[in-house]
Amino acid sequence: MNKKMKTICCACKRTKVDEGWQRLVVESVKEVSHGFCPDCHRKAMLKIGEASHKWSGKSAGKGRNL
């Protein structure tokens, strides 16, 4: 991992470190990358699935009604 760039979860603001994801304050870092930690990614995908289900009118996993 590039030591000058920090990855921060855009949902919970935890910072990726060598041991995993921790709640840390990022100090004086020139470059920050945003993404999702595994927990927030899972939650976001569930919300997307629910929204897709409501939009399509079909059961989850069956695709979209176009």
PDB file of N, CA and C in Angstrom:
ATOM      1  N   MET A   1       0.840  -1.183   0.000  1.00  0.00           N
ATOM      2  CA  MET A   1       0.000   0.000   0.000  1.00  0.00           C
ATOM      3  C   MET A   1       0.878   1.237   0.000  1.00  0.00           C
ATOM      4  N   ASN A   2       0.484   2.238  -0.755  1.00  0.00           N
ATOM      5  CA  ASN A   2       1.210   3.500  -0.786  1.00  0.00           C
ATOM      6  C   ASN A   2       1.072   4.180   0.570  1.00  0.00           C
ATOM      7  N   LYS A   3       2.179   4.429   1.244  1.00  0.00           N
ATOM      8  CA  LYS A   3       2.160   4.991   2.590  1.00  0.00           C
ATOM      9  C   LYS A   3       1.687   6.437   2.605  1.00  0.00           C
ATOM     10  N   LYS A   4       1.730   7.135   1.466  1.00  0.00           N
ATOM     11  CA  LYS A   4       1.289   8.526   1.431  1.00  0.00           C
ATOM     12  C   LYS A   4      -0.204   8.648   1.170  1.00  0.00           C
ATOM     13  N   MET A   5      -0.836   7.586   0.682  1.00  0.00           N
ATOM     14  CA  MET A   5      -2.261   7.628   0.396  1.00  0.00           C
ATOM     15  C   MET A   5      -3.010   6.807   1.441  1.00  0.00           C
ATOM     16  N   LYS A   6      -4.093   7.355   1.955  1.00  0.00           N
ATOM     17  CA  LYS A   6      -4.934   6.656   2.918  1.00  0.00           C
ATOM     18  C   LYS A   6      -6.274   6.379   2.278  1.00  0.00           C
ATOM     19  N   THR A   7      -6.840   5.203   2.541  1.00  0.00           N
ATOM     20  CA  THR A   7      -8.160   4.851   2.060  1.00  0.00           C
ATOM     21  C   THR A   7      -9.137   5.012   3.216  1.00  0.00           C
ATOM     22  N   ILE A   8     -10.208   5.771   2.970  1.00  0.00           N
ATOM     23  CA  ILE A   8     -11.202   6.052   3.997  1.00  0.00           C
ATOM     24  C   ILE A   8     -12.557   5.568   3.503  1.00  0.00           C
ATOM     25  N   CYS A   9     -13.310   4.897   4.384  1.00  0.00           N
ATOM     26  CA  CYS A   9     -14.661   4.471   4.044  1.00  0.00           C
ATOM     27  C   CYS A   9     -15.538   5.711   3.920  1.00  0.00           C
ATOM     28  N   CYS A  10     -16.236   5.830   2.802  1.00  0.00           N
ATOM     29  CA  CYS A  10     -17.066   7.014   2.573  1.00  0.00           C
ATOM     30  C   CYS A  10     -18.331   6.999   3.419  1.00  0.00           C
ATOM     31  N   ALA A  11     -18.655   5.876   4.042  1.00  0.00           N
ATOM     32  CA  ALA A  11     -19.865   5.800   4.868  1.00  0.00           C
ATOM     33  C   ALA A  11     -19.561   5.991   6.356  1.00  0.00           C
ATOM     34  N   CYS A  12     -18.630   5.206   6.896  1.00  0.00           N
ATOM     35  CA  CYS A  12     -18.376   5.241   8.345  1.00  0.00           C
ATOM     36  C   CYS A  12     -17.103   5.982   8.715  1.00  0.00           C
ATOM     37  N   LYS A  13     -16.304   6.354   7.732  1.00  0.00           N
ATOM     38  CA  LYS A  13     -15.062   7.124   7.913  1.00  0.00           C
ATOM     39  C   LYS A  13     -13.938   6.329   8.577  1.00  0.00           C
ATOM     40  N   ARG A  14     -14.062   4.990   8.610  1.00  0.00           N
ATOM     41  CA  ARG A  14     -12.935   4.197   9.110  1.00  0.00           C
ATOM     42  C   ARG A  14     -11.813   4.236   8.085  1.00  0.00           C
ATOM     43  N   THR A  15     -10.587   4.083   8.549  1.00  0.00           N
ATOM     44  CA  THR A  15      -9.403   4.158   7.709  1.00  0.00           C
ATOM     45  C   THR A  15      -8.811   2.764   7.542  1.00  0.00           C
ATOM     46  N   LYS A  16      -8.404   2.431   6.313  1.00  0.00           N
ATOM     47  CA  LYS A  16      -7.791   1.135   6.058  1.00  0.00           C
ATOM     48  C   LYS A  16      -6.352   1.158   6.534  1.00  0.00           C
ATOM     49  N   VAL A  17      -6.006   0.173   7.357  1.00  0.00           N
ATOM     50  CA  VAL A  17      -4.640  -0.014   7.839  1.00  0.00           C
ATOM     51  C   VAL A  17      -4.235  -1.441   7.527  1.00  0.00           C
ATOM     52  N   ASP A  18      -2.984  -1.767   7.762  1.00  0.00           N
ATOM     53  CA  ASP A  18      -2.488  -3.108   7.434  1.00  0.00           C
ATOM     54  C   ASP A  18      -3.291  -4.209   8.123  1.00  0.00           C
ATOM     55  N   GLU A  19      -3.801  -3.949   9.315  1.00  0.00           N
ATOM     56  CA  GLU A  19      -4.529  -4.959  10.098  1.00  0.00           C
ATOM     57  C   GLU A  19      -6.004  -5.033   9.749  1.00  0.00           C
ATOM     58  N   GLY A  20      -6.495  -4.141   8.924  1.00  0.00           N
ATOM     59  CA  GLY A  20      -7.921  -4.118   8.579  1.00  0.00           C
ATOM     60  C   GLY A  20      -8.424  -2.691   8.516  1.00  0.00           C
ATOM     61  N   TRP A  21      -9.604  -2.465   9.057  1.00  0.00           N
ATOM     62  CA  TRP A  21     -10.214  -1.130   9.059  1.00  0.00           C
ATOM     63  C   TRP A  21     -10.369  -0.670  10.497  1.00  0.00           C
ATOM     64  N   GLN A  22      -9.908   0.544  10.797  1.00  0.00           N
ATOM     65  CA  GLN A  22      -9.985   1.090  12.145  1.00  0.00           C
ATOM     66  C   GLN A  22     -10.443   2.531  12.087  1.00  0.00           C
ATOM     67  N   ARG A  23     -11.064   2.960  13.174  1.00  0.00           N
ATOM     68  CA  ARG A  23     -11.459   4.364  13.266  1.00  0.00           C
ATOM     69  C   ARG A  23     -10.236   5.162  13.675  1.00  0.00           C
ATOM     70  N   LEU A  24      -9.659   5.858  12.711  1.00  0.00           N
ATOM     71  CA  LEU A  24      -8.466   6.655  12.931  1.00  0.00           C
ATOM     72  C   LEU A  24      -8.658   8.044  12.342  1.00  0.00           C
ATOM     73  N   VAL A  25      -7.952   8.990  12.893  1.00  0.00           N
ATOM     74  CA  VAL A  25      -7.949  10.334  12.331  1.00  0.00           C
ATOM     75  C   VAL A  25      -6.804  10.402  11.331  1.00  0.00           C
ATOM     76  N   VAL A  26      -7.111  10.831  10.121  1.00  0.00           N
ATOM     77  CA  VAL A  26      -6.081  10.957   9.097  1.00  0.00           C
ATOM     78  C   VAL A  26      -5.482  12.345   9.221  1.00  0.00           C
ATOM     79  N   GLU A  27      -4.207  12.371   9.532  1.00  0.00           N
ATOM     80  CA  GLU A  27      -3.540  13.661   9.702  1.00  0.00           C
ATOM     81  C   GLU A  27      -2.536  13.895   8.591  1.00  0.00           C
ATOM     82  N   SER A  28      -2.549  15.061   8.052  1.00  0.00           N
ATOM     83  CA  SER A  28      -1.605  15.539   7.042  1.00  0.00           C
ATOM     84  C   SER A  28      -1.250  14.507   5.967  1.00  0.00           C
ATOM     85  N   VAL A  29      -2.250  13.999   5.316  1.00  0.00           N
ATOM     86  CA  VAL A  29      -2.048  13.082   4.195  1.00  0.00           C
ATOM     87  C   VAL A  29      -2.383  13.844   2.928  1.00  0.00           C
ATOM     88  N   LYS A  30      -1.481  13.788   1.974  1.00  0.00           N
ATOM     89  CA  LYS A  30      -1.681  14.543   0.744  1.00  0.00           C
ATOM     90  C   LYS A  30      -2.781  13.941  -0.122  1.00  0.00           C
ATOM     91  N   GLU A  31      -2.874  12.624  -0.145  1.00  0.00           N
ATOM     92  CA  GLU A  31      -3.842  11.980  -1.015  1.00  0.00           C
ATOM     93  C   GLU A  31      -4.724  11.032  -0.214  1.00  0.00           C
ATOM     94  N   VAL A  32      -6.041  11.141  -0.438  1.00  0.00           N
ATOM     95  CA  VAL A  32      -7.008  10.286   0.235  1.00  0.00           C
ATOM     96  C   VAL A  32      -7.863   9.620  -0.825  1.00  0.00           C
ATOM     97  N   SER A  33      -8.073   8.335  -0.664  1.00  0.00           N
ATOM     98  CA  SER A  33      -8.933   7.576  -1.558  1.00  0.00           C
ATOM     99  C   SER A  33     -10.169   7.155  -0.766  1.00  0.00           C
ATOM    100  N   HIS A  34     -11.345   7.321  -1.356  1.00  0.00           N
ATOM    101  CA  HIS A  34     -12.570   6.919  -0.680  1.00  0.00           C
ATOM    102  C   HIS A  34     -13.102   5.641  -1.298  1.00  0.00           C
ATOM    103  N   GLY A  35     -13.661   4.812  -0.463  1.00  0.00           N
ATOM    104  CA  GLY A  35     -14.265   3.562  -0.885  1.00  0.00           C
ATOM    105  C   GLY A  35     -15.178   3.086   0.219  1.00  0.00           C
ATOM    106  N   PHE A  36     -15.494   1.812   0.242  1.00  0.00           N
ATOM    107  CA  PHE A  36     -16.309   1.229   1.295  1.00  0.00           C
ATOM    108  C   PHE A  36     -15.498   0.196   2.054  1.00  0.00           C
ATOM    109  N   CYS A  37     -15.621   0.197   3.393  1.00  0.00           N
ATOM    110  CA  CYS A  37     -15.061  -0.906   4.175  1.00  0.00           C
ATOM    111  C   CYS A  37     -15.978  -2.109   3.932  1.00  0.00           C
ATOM    112  N   PRO A  38     -15.558  -3.318   4.267  1.00  0.00           N
ATOM    113  CA  PRO A  38     -16.386  -4.503   3.996  1.00  0.00           C
ATOM    114  C   PRO A  38     -17.782  -4.432   4.621  1.00  0.00           C
ATOM    115  N   ASP A  39     -17.907  -3.925   5.847  1.00  0.00           N
ATOM    116  CA  ASP A  39     -19.218  -3.841   6.497  1.00  0.00           C
ATOM    117  C   ASP A  39     -20.145  -2.881   5.766  1.00  0.00           C
ATOM    118  N   CYS A  40     -19.649  -1.697   5.438  1.00  0.00           N
ATOM    119  CA  CYS A  40     -20.476  -0.705   4.750  1.00  0.00           C
ATOM    120  C   CYS A  40     -20.780  -1.129   3.316  1.00  0.00           C
ATOM    121  N   HIS A  41     -19.852  -1.827   2.677  1.00  0.00           N
ATOM    122  CA  HIS A  41     -20.096  -2.336   1.326  1.00  0.00           C
ATOM    123  C   HIS A  41     -21.264  -3.316   1.340  1.00  0.00           C
ATOM    124  N   ARG A  42     -21.256  -4.220   2.299  1.00  0.00           N
ATOM    125  CA  ARG A  42     -22.337  -5.207   2.419  1.00  0.00           C
ATOM    126  C   ARG A  42     -23.679  -4.496   2.635  1.00  0.00           C
ATOM    127  N   LYS A  43     -23.710  -3.502   3.536  1.00  0.00           N
ATOM    128  CA  LYS A  43     -24.943  -2.754   3.799  1.00  0.00           C
ATOM    129  C   LYS A  43     -25.411  -2.012   2.549  1.00  0.00           C
ATOM    130  N   ALA A  44     -24.487  -1.398   1.822  1.00  0.00           N
ATOM    131  CA  ALA A  44     -24.844  -0.658   0.613  1.00  0.00           C
ATOM    132  C   ALA A  44     -25.418  -1.594  -0.453  1.00  0.00           C
ATOM    133  N   MET A  45     -24.835  -2.777  -0.608  1.00  0.00           N
ATOM    134  CA  MET A  45     -25.322  -3.721  -1.607  1.00  0.00           C
ATOM    135  C   MET A  45     -26.714  -4.221  -1.238  1.00  0.00           C
ATOM    136  N   LEU A  46     -26.986  -4.404   0.047  1.00  0.00           N
ATOM    137  CA  LEU A  46     -28.325  -4.812   0.473  1.00  0.00           C
ATOM    138  C   LEU A  46     -29.338  -3.724   0.147  1.00  0.00           C
ATOM    139  N   LYS A  47     -28.978  -2.461   0.390  1.00  0.00           N
ATOM    140  CA  LYS A  47     -29.882  -1.351   0.076  1.00  0.00           C
ATOM    141  C   LYS A  47     -30.126  -1.254  -1.425  1.00  0.00           C
ATOM    142  N   ILE A  48     -29.081  -1.444  -2.214  1.00  0.00           N
ATOM    143  CA  ILE A  48     -29.239  -1.407  -3.668  1.00  0.00           C
ATOM    144  C   ILE A  48     -30.149  -2.534  -4.123  1.00  0.00           C
ATOM    145  N   GLY A  49     -29.976  -3.709  -3.533  1.00  0.00           N
ATOM    146  CA  GLY A  49     -30.831  -4.844  -3.876  1.00  0.00           C
ATOM    147  C   GLY A  49     -32.285  -4.584  -3.528  1.00  0.00           C
ATOM    148  N   GLU A  50     -32.520  -3.967  -2.358  1.00  0.00           N
ATOM    149  CA  GLU A  50     -33.887  -3.649  -1.958  1.00  0.00           C
ATOM    150  C   GLU A  50     -34.495  -2.611  -2.890  1.00  0.00           C
ATOM    151  N   ALA A  51     -33.722  -1.598  -3.254  1.00  0.00           N
ATOM    152  CA  ALA A  51     -34.219  -0.562  -4.151  1.00  0.00           C
ATOM    153  C   ALA A  51     -34.514  -1.149  -5.530  1.00  0.00           C
ATOM    154  N   SER A  52     -33.651  -2.023  -5.996  1.00  0.00           N
ATOM    155  CA  SER A  52     -33.851  -2.660  -7.289  1.00  0.00           C
ATOM    156  C   SER A  52     -35.113  -3.521  -7.262  1.00  0.00           C
ATOM    157  N   HIS A  53     -35.309  -4.212  -6.145  1.00  0.00           N
ATOM    158  CA  HIS A  53     -36.487  -5.064  -5.980  1.00  0.00           C
ATOM    159  C   HIS A  53     -37.760  -4.221  -6.040  1.00  0.00           C
ATOM    160  N   LYS A  54     -37.763  -3.082  -5.361  1.00  0.00           N
ATOM    161  CA  LYS A  54     -38.933  -2.199  -5.364  1.00  0.00           C
ATOM    162  C   LYS A  54     -39.158  -1.622  -6.750  1.00  0.00           C
ATOM    163  N   TRP A  55     -38.079  -1.267  -7.435  1.00  0.00           N
ATOM    164  CA  TRP A  55     -38.175  -0.658  -8.750  1.00  0.00           C
ATOM    165  C   TRP A  55     -38.696  -1.652  -9.785  1.00  0.00           C
ATOM    166  N   SER A  56     -38.212  -2.893  -9.702  1.00  0.00           N
ATOM    167  CA  SER A  56     -38.537  -3.864 -10.741  1.00  0.00           C
ATOM    168  C   SER A  56     -39.894  -4.524 -10.547  1.00  0.00           C
ATOM    169  N   GLY A  57     -40.346  -4.570  -9.307  1.00  0.00           N
ATOM    170  CA  GLY A  57     -41.602  -5.255  -9.049  1.00  0.00           C
ATOM    171  C   GLY A  57     -41.459  -6.760  -9.048  1.00  0.00           C
ATOM    172  N   LYS A  58     -40.231  -7.242  -9.110  1.00  0.00           N
ATOM    173  CA  LYS A  58     -39.954  -8.679  -9.091  1.00  0.00           C
ATOM    174  C   LYS A  58     -39.236  -9.044  -7.810  1.00  0.00           C
ATOM    175  N   SER A  59     -39.144 -10.322  -7.532  1.00  0.00           N
ATOM    176  CA  SER A  59     -38.420 -10.761  -6.356  1.00  0.00           C
ATOM    177  C   SER A  59     -36.937 -10.542  -6.553  1.00  0.00           C
ATOM    178  N   ALA A  60     -36.210 -10.342  -5.449  1.00  0.00           N
ATOM    179  CA  ALA A  60     -34.781 -10.052  -5.498  1.00  0.00           C
ATOM    180  C   ALA A  60     -34.046 -11.143  -6.248  1.00  0.00           C
ATOM    181  N   GLY A  61     -33.060 -10.733  -7.044  1.00  0.00           N
ATOM    182  CA  GLY A  61     -32.231 -11.691  -7.762  1.00  0.00           C
ATOM    183  C   GLY A  61     -32.812 -12.134  -9.101  1.00  0.00           C
ATOM    184  N   LYS A  62     -33.989 -11.676  -9.455  1.00  0.00           N
ATOM    185  CA  LYS A  62     -34.632 -12.107 -10.701  1.00  0.00           C
ATOM    186  C   LYS A  62     -34.379 -11.139 -11.849  1.00  0.00           C
ATOM    187  N   GLY A  63     -33.647 -10.057 -11.604  1.00  0.00           N
ATOM    188  CA  GLY A  63     -33.383  -9.106 -12.668  1.00  0.00           C
ATOM    189  C   GLY A  63     -34.369  -7.963 -12.669  1.00  0.00           C
ATOM    190  N   ARG A  64     -34.194  -7.085 -13.631  1.00  0.00           N
ATOM    191  CA  ARG A  64     -35.063  -5.899 -13.712  1.00  0.00           C
ATOM    192  C   ARG A  64     -36.185  -6.110 -14.720  1.00  0.00           C
ATOM    193  N   ASN A  65     -37.252  -5.456 -14.461  1.00  0.00           N
ATOM    194  CA  ASN A  65     -38.398  -5.489 -15.374  1.00  0.00           C
ATOM    195  C   ASN A  65     -38.241  -4.313 -16.329  1.00  0.00           C
ATOM    196  N   LEU A  66     -37.758  -4.555 -17.540  1.00  0.00           N
ATOM    197  CA  LEU A  66     -37.501  -3.462 -18.493  1.00  0.00           C
ATOM    198  C   LEU A  66     -38.636  -3.301 -19.460  1.00  0.00           C
TER     199      LEU A  66
END
